Amino acid sequence: MAGGPDLSFEAGAMARGLARVAGVDEVGRGPLCGPVVAAAVVLDLARVPAGLNDSKKLGARRREALYALIMESAAISVGEATVAEIDALNILRASHLAMGRAIAGLVGRPDHVLIDGNMIPRDLGLSAEAIVKGDARSASIAAASIVAKVTRDRIMVDLAQQHPGYGWEKNAGYPTKDHLLALQNLGITPVHRRSFKPVHNILYQEKIIST
């Protein structure tokens, strides 16, 4: 994994006696709709898939191939926060909620958690460290980013079938030109995040028109 994520953070934790280390990452802070999805992954150090990297740096086919390898070789848990929770809490807190759910869902409590980003979720209740750009530095976090990304993309493909016309099977709910145009033409769905500005602005315009 030259130049990419490695196991140095995991090895450092293990050298401190923290034997079971999980990498945690989330996907879906920026989209206008759908849940935010987090994954927690404990790699089997004897079976680490080659080529792990930040999911954003991988093509869809490579992500899917690595996802399959991670699923069969590592301990994995996925957590979500719903659109209602995102709107009620804000996207940062909802992301942390999803992370906490992913960690809690692991079979066997981790001794230490490597979190992508610069903040550790509140009330985690276990040893943790935040790693900026962790998905490009830690193999465990990179694996979590792949699992979270593939999982969320599949959710958005399913939602696209329920709400055709917004292009979610391609844009995953991000505010692309086609998605914004569909919002104007087709309106807001139940899975749009009403606290996000483009959606909020349309609701506000509709409110003005109707009063």
C-alpha atoms as a PDB file:
ATOM      1  CA  MET A   1       0.000   0.000   0.000  1.00  0.00           C
ATOM      2  CA  ALA A   2       2.844   2.352  -0.886  1.00  0.00           C
ATOM      3  CA  GLY A   3       1.745   5.954  -0.624  1.00  0.00           C
ATOM      4  CA  GLY A   4      -1.700   4.959   0.593  1.00  0.00           C
ATOM      5  CA  PRO A   5      -3.173   4.069   3.968  1.00  0.00           C
ATOM      6  CA  ASP A   6      -1.185   1.705   6.172  1.00  0.00           C
ATOM      7  CA  LEU A   7      -1.424   0.000   9.566  1.00  0.00           C
ATOM      8  CA  SER A   8       0.764   2.416  11.540  1.00  0.00           C
ATOM      9  CA  PHE A   9      -2.102   3.820  13.632  1.00  0.00           C
ATOM     10  CA  GLU A  10      -3.371   0.315  14.318  1.00  0.00           C
ATOM     11  CA  ALA A  11       0.138  -0.861  15.264  1.00  0.00           C
ATOM     12  CA  GLY A  12       0.586   2.131  17.555  1.00  0.00           C
ATOM     13  CA  ALA A  13      -2.613   1.341  19.423  1.00  0.00           C
ATOM     14  CA  MET A  14      -1.675  -2.331  19.703  1.00  0.00           C
ATOM     15  CA  ALA A  15       1.735  -1.391  21.093  1.00  0.00           C
ATOM     16  CA  ARG A  16      -0.169   0.378  23.899  1.00  0.00           C
ATOM     17  CA  GLY A  17      -2.043  -2.835  24.681  1.00  0.00           C
ATOM     18  CA  LEU A  18      -5.196  -1.978  22.701  1.00  0.00           C
ATOM     19  CA  ALA A  19      -5.543  -5.235  20.795  1.00  0.00           C
ATOM     20  CA  ARG A  20      -8.856  -4.829  18.947  1.00  0.00           C
ATOM     21  CA  VAL A  21      -8.802  -1.672  16.816  1.00  0.00           C
ATOM     22  CA  ALA A  22     -11.736  -0.485  14.686  1.00  0.00           C
ATOM     23  CA  GLY A  23     -11.641   2.074  11.898  1.00  0.00           C
ATOM     24  CA  VAL A  24     -14.745   4.260  11.545  1.00  0.00           C
ATOM     25  CA  ASP A  25     -15.881   6.543   8.723  1.00  0.00           C
ATOM     26  CA  GLU A  26     -19.114   8.035   7.461  1.00  0.00           C
ATOM     27  CA  VAL A  27     -20.503   8.868   4.040  1.00  0.00           C
ATOM     28  CA  GLY A  28     -23.311  11.238   3.125  1.00  0.00           C
ATOM     29  CA  ARG A  29     -22.826  14.554   4.889  1.00  0.00           C
ATOM     30  CA  GLY A  30     -23.180  16.595   1.702  1.00  0.00           C
ATOM     31  CA  PRO A  31     -26.217  15.109  -0.088  1.00  0.00           C
ATOM     32  CA  LEU A  32     -29.625  16.806  -0.006  1.00  0.00           C
ATOM     33  CA  CYS A  33     -31.463  13.568   0.736  1.00  0.00           C
ATOM     34  CA  GLY A  34     -31.140  10.097   2.205  1.00  0.00           C
ATOM     35  CA  PRO A  35     -29.482   8.896   5.398  1.00  0.00           C
ATOM     36  CA  VAL A  36     -25.924   9.437   6.550  1.00  0.00           C
ATOM     37  CA  VAL A  37     -24.191   6.050   6.769  1.00  0.00           C
ATOM     38  CA  ALA A  38     -21.227   5.043   8.933  1.00  0.00           C
ATOM     39  CA  ALA A  39     -19.212   1.849   9.036  1.00  0.00           C
ATOM     40  CA  ALA A  40     -16.941   0.369  11.690  1.00  0.00           C
ATOM     41  CA  VAL A  41     -14.381  -2.191  10.532  1.00  0.00           C
ATOM     42  CA  VAL A  42     -11.944  -4.373  12.486  1.00  0.00           C
ATOM     43  CA  LEU A  43      -9.463  -5.782   9.983  1.00  0.00           C
ATOM     44  CA  ASP A  44      -7.994  -9.258  10.255  1.00  0.00           C
ATOM     45  CA  LEU A  45      -4.329  -8.251  10.062  1.00  0.00           C
ATOM     46  CA  ALA A  46      -3.463 -11.549   8.417  1.00  0.00           C
ATOM     47  CA  ARG A  47      -5.986 -10.912   5.625  1.00  0.00           C
ATOM     48  CA  VAL A  48      -5.885  -7.190   4.841  1.00  0.00           C
ATOM     49  CA  PRO A  49      -7.147  -6.648   1.276  1.00  0.00           C
ATOM     50  CA  ALA A  50      -4.519  -5.102  -1.007  1.00  0.00           C
ATOM     51  CA  GLY A  51      -5.255  -1.667  -2.419  1.00  0.00           C
ATOM     52  CA  LEU A  52      -7.368  -0.201   0.384  1.00  0.00           C
ATOM     53  CA  ASN A  53      -7.777   3.541  -0.034  1.00  0.00           C
ATOM     54  CA  ASP A  54     -10.095   6.465   0.574  1.00  0.00           C
ATOM     55  CA  SER A  55     -13.321   5.422  -1.163  1.00  0.00           C
ATOM     56  CA  LYS A  56     -13.417   8.761  -3.038  1.00  0.00           C
ATOM     57  CA  LYS A  57     -10.147   7.834  -4.780  1.00  0.00           C
ATOM     58  CA  LEU A  58     -11.499   4.517  -6.078  1.00  0.00           C
ATOM     59  CA  GLY A  59     -13.668   3.813  -9.084  1.00  0.00           C
ATOM     60  CA  ALA A  60     -17.029   2.121  -8.543  1.00  0.00           C
ATOM     61  CA  ARG A  61     -15.874  -1.281  -9.810  1.00  0.00           C
ATOM     62  CA  ARG A  62     -12.765  -1.266  -7.595  1.00  0.00           C
ATOM     63  CA  ARG A  63     -14.825  -0.156  -4.588  1.00  0.00           C
ATOM     64  CA  GLU A  64     -17.260  -3.026  -5.109  1.00  0.00           C
ATOM     65  CA  ALA A  65     -14.408  -5.553  -5.403  1.00  0.00           C
ATOM     66  CA  LEU A  66     -12.745  -4.289  -2.223  1.00  0.00           C
ATOM     67  CA  TYR A  67     -16.111  -4.188  -0.443  1.00  0.00           C
ATOM     68  CA  ALA A  68     -16.555  -7.916  -1.140  1.00  0.00           C
ATOM     69  CA  LEU A  69     -13.058  -8.680   0.158  1.00  0.00           C
ATOM     70  CA  ILE A  70     -13.599  -6.604   3.311  1.00  0.00           C
ATOM     71  CA  MET A  71     -16.963  -8.244   3.999  1.00  0.00           C
ATOM     72  CA  GLU A  72     -15.469 -11.729   3.880  1.00  0.00           C
ATOM     73  CA  SER A  73     -12.294 -11.005   5.854  1.00  0.00           C
ATOM     74  CA  ALA A  74     -13.121  -8.387   8.528  1.00  0.00           C
ATOM     75  CA  ALA A  75     -15.556  -7.699  11.355  1.00  0.00           C
ATOM     76  CA  ILE A  76     -18.021  -5.087  10.095  1.00  0.00           C
ATOM     77  CA  SER A  77     -20.956  -3.067  11.353  1.00  0.00           C
ATOM     78  CA  VAL A  78     -22.963  -0.340   9.622  1.00  0.00           C
ATOM     79  CA  GLY A  79     -25.003   2.387  11.305  1.00  0.00           C
ATOM     80  CA  GLU A  80     -27.308   5.036   9.897  1.00  0.00           C
ATOM     81  CA  ALA A  81     -28.929   8.278  10.953  1.00  0.00           C
ATOM     82  CA  THR A  82     -32.217   9.052   9.261  1.00  0.00           C
ATOM     83  CA  VAL A  83     -33.306  12.174   7.415  1.00  0.00           C
ATOM     84  CA  ALA A  84     -35.520  13.080  10.396  1.00  0.00           C
ATOM     85  CA  GLU A  85     -32.536  12.752  12.748  1.00  0.00           C
ATOM     86  CA  ILE A  86     -30.356  14.853  10.426  1.00  0.00           C
ATOM     87  CA  ASP A  87     -32.978  17.610  10.362  1.00  0.00           C
ATOM     88  CA  ALA A  88     -33.507  17.442  14.139  1.00  0.00           C
ATOM     89  CA  LEU A  89     -29.865  17.264  15.247  1.00  0.00           C
ATOM     90  CA  ASN A  90     -27.769  18.784  12.382  1.00  0.00           C
ATOM     91  CA  ILE A  91     -25.593  16.786  10.027  1.00  0.00           C
ATOM     92  CA  LEU A  92     -22.493  16.670  12.257  1.00  0.00           C
ATOM     93  CA  ARG A  93     -24.346  15.257  15.256  1.00  0.00           C
ATOM     94  CA  ALA A  94     -26.278  12.867  13.026  1.00  0.00           C
ATOM     95  CA  SER A  95     -22.993  11.660  11.502  1.00  0.00           C
ATOM     96  CA  HIS A  96     -21.654  11.001  14.995  1.00  0.00           C
ATOM     97  CA  LEU A  97     -24.882   9.205  15.896  1.00  0.00           C
ATOM     98  CA  ALA A  98     -24.416   6.917  12.886  1.00  0.00           C
ATOM     99  CA  MET A  99     -20.801   6.303  13.904  1.00  0.00           C
ATOM    100  CA  GLY A 100     -21.846   5.394  17.436  1.00  0.00           C
ATOM    101  CA  ARG A 101     -24.434   2.963  16.095  1.00  0.00           C
ATOM    102  CA  ALA A 102     -21.860   1.351  13.807  1.00  0.00           C
ATOM    103  CA  ILE A 103     -19.398   0.894  16.688  1.00  0.00           C
ATOM    104  CA  ALA A 104     -22.123  -0.460  18.998  1.00  0.00           C
ATOM    105  CA  GLY A 105     -23.121  -2.995  16.344  1.00  0.00           C
ATOM    106  CA  LEU A 106     -19.712  -4.673  16.180  1.00  0.00           C
ATOM    107  CA  VAL A 107     -19.600  -8.210  17.503  1.00  0.00           C
ATOM    108  CA  GLY A 108     -17.045  -7.815  20.268  1.00  0.00           C
ATOM    109  CA  ARG A 109     -16.354  -4.387  21.739  1.00  0.00           C
ATOM    110  CA  PRO A 110     -13.270  -2.701  20.268  1.00  0.00           C
ATOM    111  CA  ASP A 111     -10.450  -1.646  22.586  1.00  0.00           C
ATOM    112  CA  HIS A 112      -9.714   1.429  20.493  1.00  0.00           C
ATOM    113  CA  VAL A 113     -11.406   3.313  17.673  1.00  0.00           C
ATOM    114  CA  LEU A 114      -9.812   5.304  14.857  1.00  0.00           C
ATOM    115  CA  ILE A 115     -12.254   7.995  13.707  1.00  0.00           C
ATOM    116  CA  ASP A 116     -11.966   9.807  10.387  1.00  0.00           C
ATOM    117  CA  GLY A 117     -11.990  13.569  10.905  1.00  0.00           C
ATOM    118  CA  ASN A 118     -11.048  15.972  13.669  1.00  0.00           C
ATOM    119  CA  MET A 119     -13.725  15.188  16.251  1.00  0.00           C
ATOM    120  CA  ILE A 120     -14.530  12.205  18.441  1.00  0.00           C
ATOM    121  CA  PRO A 121     -18.295  11.634  18.869  1.00  0.00           C
ATOM    122  CA  ARG A 122     -19.715  12.522  22.269  1.00  0.00           C
ATOM    123  CA  ASP A 123     -20.347   9.822  24.857  1.00  0.00           C
ATOM    124  CA  LEU A 124     -18.413   7.180  22.939  1.00  0.00           C
ATOM    125  CA  GLY A 125     -17.292   5.569  26.176  1.00  0.00           C
ATOM    126  CA  LEU A 126     -14.157   3.925  24.820  1.00  0.00           C
ATOM    127  CA  SER A 127     -10.596   4.736  23.793  1.00  0.00           C
ATOM    128  CA  ALA A 128     -10.588   6.702  20.526  1.00  0.00           C
ATOM    129  CA  GLU A 129      -8.540   9.045  18.374  1.00  0.00           C
ATOM    130  CA  ALA A 130      -9.597  11.351  15.554  1.00  0.00           C
ATOM    131  CA  ILE A 131      -7.405  11.277  12.448  1.00  0.00           C
ATOM    132  CA  VAL A 132      -7.686  14.068   9.891  1.00  0.00           C
ATOM    133  CA  LYS A 133      -7.836  12.556   6.376  1.00  0.00           C
ATOM    134  CA  GLY A 134      -7.859   9.207   8.130  1.00  0.00           C
ATOM    135  CA  ASP A 135      -9.393   7.424   5.140  1.00  0.00           C
ATOM    136  CA  ALA A 136      -6.169   8.138   3.234  1.00  0.00           C
ATOM    137  CA  ARG A 137      -3.876   7.271   6.180  1.00  0.00           C
ATOM    138  CA  SER A 138      -5.335   4.330   8.111  1.00  0.00           C
ATOM    139  CA  ALA A 139      -6.142   1.004   6.417  1.00  0.00           C
ATOM    140  CA  SER A 140      -8.984   0.358   8.877  1.00  0.00           C
ATOM    141  CA  ILE A 141     -10.594   3.743   8.227  1.00  0.00           C
ATOM    142  CA  ALA A 142     -10.131   3.286   4.459  1.00  0.00           C
ATOM    143  CA  ALA A 143     -11.953  -0.048   4.717  1.00  0.00           C
ATOM    144  CA  ALA A 144     -14.748   1.636   6.701  1.00  0.00           C
ATOM    145  CA  SER A 145     -15.027   4.380   4.063  1.00  0.00           C
ATOM    146  CA  ILE A 146     -15.453   1.761   1.331  1.00  0.00           C
ATOM    147  CA  VAL A 147     -18.114  -0.164   3.256  1.00  0.00           C
ATOM    148  CA  ALA A 148     -20.020   3.027   4.096  1.00  0.00           C
ATOM    149  CA  LYS A 149     -19.827   4.354   0.529  1.00  0.00           C
ATOM    150  CA  VAL A 150     -20.968   1.133  -1.162  1.00  0.00           C
ATOM    151  CA  THR A 151     -23.761   0.682   1.396  1.00  0.00           C
ATOM    152  CA  ARG A 152     -25.057   4.230   0.959  1.00  0.00           C
ATOM    153  CA  ASP A 153     -24.811   4.130  -2.836  1.00  0.00           C
ATOM    154  CA  ARG A 154     -26.973   0.994  -2.822  1.00  0.00           C
ATOM    155  CA  ILE A 155     -29.514   2.709  -0.565  1.00  0.00           C
ATOM    156  CA  MET A 156     -29.671   5.647  -2.974  1.00  0.00           C
ATOM    157  CA  VAL A 157     -30.186   3.346  -5.982  1.00  0.00           C
ATOM    158  CA  ASP A 158     -33.123   1.802  -4.135  1.00  0.00           C
ATOM    159  CA  LEU A 159     -34.532   5.245  -3.258  1.00  0.00           C
ATOM    160  CA  ALA A 160     -34.091   6.318  -6.904  1.00  0.00           C
ATOM    161  CA  GLN A 161     -36.447   3.535  -7.944  1.00  0.00           C
ATOM    162  CA  GLN A 162     -39.021   4.792  -5.434  1.00  0.00           C
ATOM    163  CA  HIS A 163     -38.587   8.436  -6.473  1.00  0.00           C
ATOM    164  CA  PRO A 164     -37.556   8.499 -10.159  1.00  0.00           C
ATOM    165  CA  GLY A 165     -36.355  11.611 -11.911  1.00  0.00           C
ATOM    166  CA  TYR A 166     -33.819  12.953  -9.411  1.00  0.00           C
ATOM    167  CA  GLY A 167     -30.878  10.906 -10.682  1.00  0.00           C
ATOM    168  CA  TRP A 168     -29.947   9.505  -7.273  1.00  0.00           C
ATOM    169  CA  GLU A 169     -28.656   6.290  -8.856  1.00  0.00           C
ATOM    170  CA  LYS A 170     -25.890   8.464 -10.371  1.00  0.00           C
ATOM    171  CA  ASN A 171     -25.565  11.500  -8.067  1.00  0.00           C
ATOM    172  CA  ALA A 172     -26.236   9.680  -4.736  1.00  0.00           C
ATOM    173  CA  GLY A 173     -28.334  12.657  -3.643  1.00  0.00           C
ATOM    174  CA  TYR A 174     -25.589  15.269  -3.938  1.00  0.00           C
ATOM    175  CA  PRO A 175     -26.654  18.733  -5.201  1.00  0.00           C
ATOM    176  CA  THR A 176     -25.732  18.205  -8.846  1.00  0.00           C
ATOM    177  CA  LYS A 177     -27.274  20.290 -11.601  1.00  0.00           C
ATOM    178  CA  ASP A 178     -29.737  17.534 -12.553  1.00  0.00           C
ATOM    179  CA  HIS A 179     -30.787  17.000  -8.943  1.00  0.00           C
ATOM    180  CA  LEU A 180     -31.364  20.701  -8.323  1.00  0.00           C
ATOM    181  CA  LEU A 181     -33.362  20.980 -11.553  1.00  0.00           C
ATOM    182  CA  ALA A 182     -35.495  17.991 -10.538  1.00  0.00           C
ATOM    183  CA  LEU A 183     -36.113  19.590  -7.145  1.00  0.00           C
ATOM    184  CA  GLN A 184     -37.524  22.653  -8.881  1.00  0.00           C
ATOM    185  CA  ASN A 185     -39.603  20.640 -11.377  1.00  0.00           C
ATOM    186  CA  LEU A 186     -40.708  17.618  -9.351  1.00  0.00           C
ATOM    187  CA  GLY A 187     -40.707  19.041  -5.839  1.00  0.00           C
ATOM    188  CA  ILE A 188     -39.458  17.736  -2.521  1.00  0.00           C
ATOM    189  CA  THR A 189     -39.731  14.075  -1.521  1.00  0.00           C
ATOM    190  CA  PRO A 190     -40.115  12.658   1.996  1.00  0.00           C
ATOM    191  CA  VAL A 191     -36.429  11.677   1.958  1.00  0.00           C
ATOM    192  CA  HIS A 192     -35.108  15.191   1.273  1.00  0.00           C
ATOM    193  CA  ARG A 193     -33.330  16.940   4.150  1.00  0.00           C
ATOM    194  CA  ARG A 194     -35.469  19.948   4.908  1.00  0.00           C
ATOM    195  CA  SER A 195     -32.749  21.647   6.968  1.00  0.00           C
ATOM    196  CA  PHE A 196     -30.398  21.805   3.961  1.00  0.00           C
ATOM    197  CA  LYS A 197     -30.427  25.184   2.231  1.00  0.00           C
ATOM    198  CA  PRO A 198     -31.509  24.262  -1.346  1.00  0.00           C
ATOM    199  CA  VAL A 199     -34.429  22.223   0.031  1.00  0.00           C
ATOM    200  CA  HIS A 200     -35.272  24.768   2.721  1.00  0.00           C
ATOM    201  CA  ASN A 201     -35.307  27.570   0.141  1.00  0.00           C
ATOM    202  CA  ILE A 202     -37.806  25.722  -2.054  1.00  0.00           C
ATOM    203  CA  LEU A 203     -40.051  25.074   0.953  1.00  0.00           C
ATOM    204  CA  TYR A 204     -39.796  28.752   1.881  1.00  0.00           C
ATOM    205  CA  GLN A 205     -40.735  29.809  -1.663  1.00  0.00           C
ATOM    206  CA  GLU A 206     -43.729  27.468  -1.615  1.00  0.00           C
ATOM    207  CA  LYS A 207     -44.812  28.881   1.736  1.00  0.00           C
ATOM    208  CA  ILE A 208     -44.685  32.454   0.383  1.00  0.00           C
ATOM    209  CA  ILE A 209     -46.661  31.470  -2.733  1.00  0.00           C
ATOM    210  CA  SER A 210     -49.331  29.685  -0.698  1.00  0.00           C
ATOM    211  CA  THR A 211     -49.859  32.568   1.783  1.00  0.00           C
END
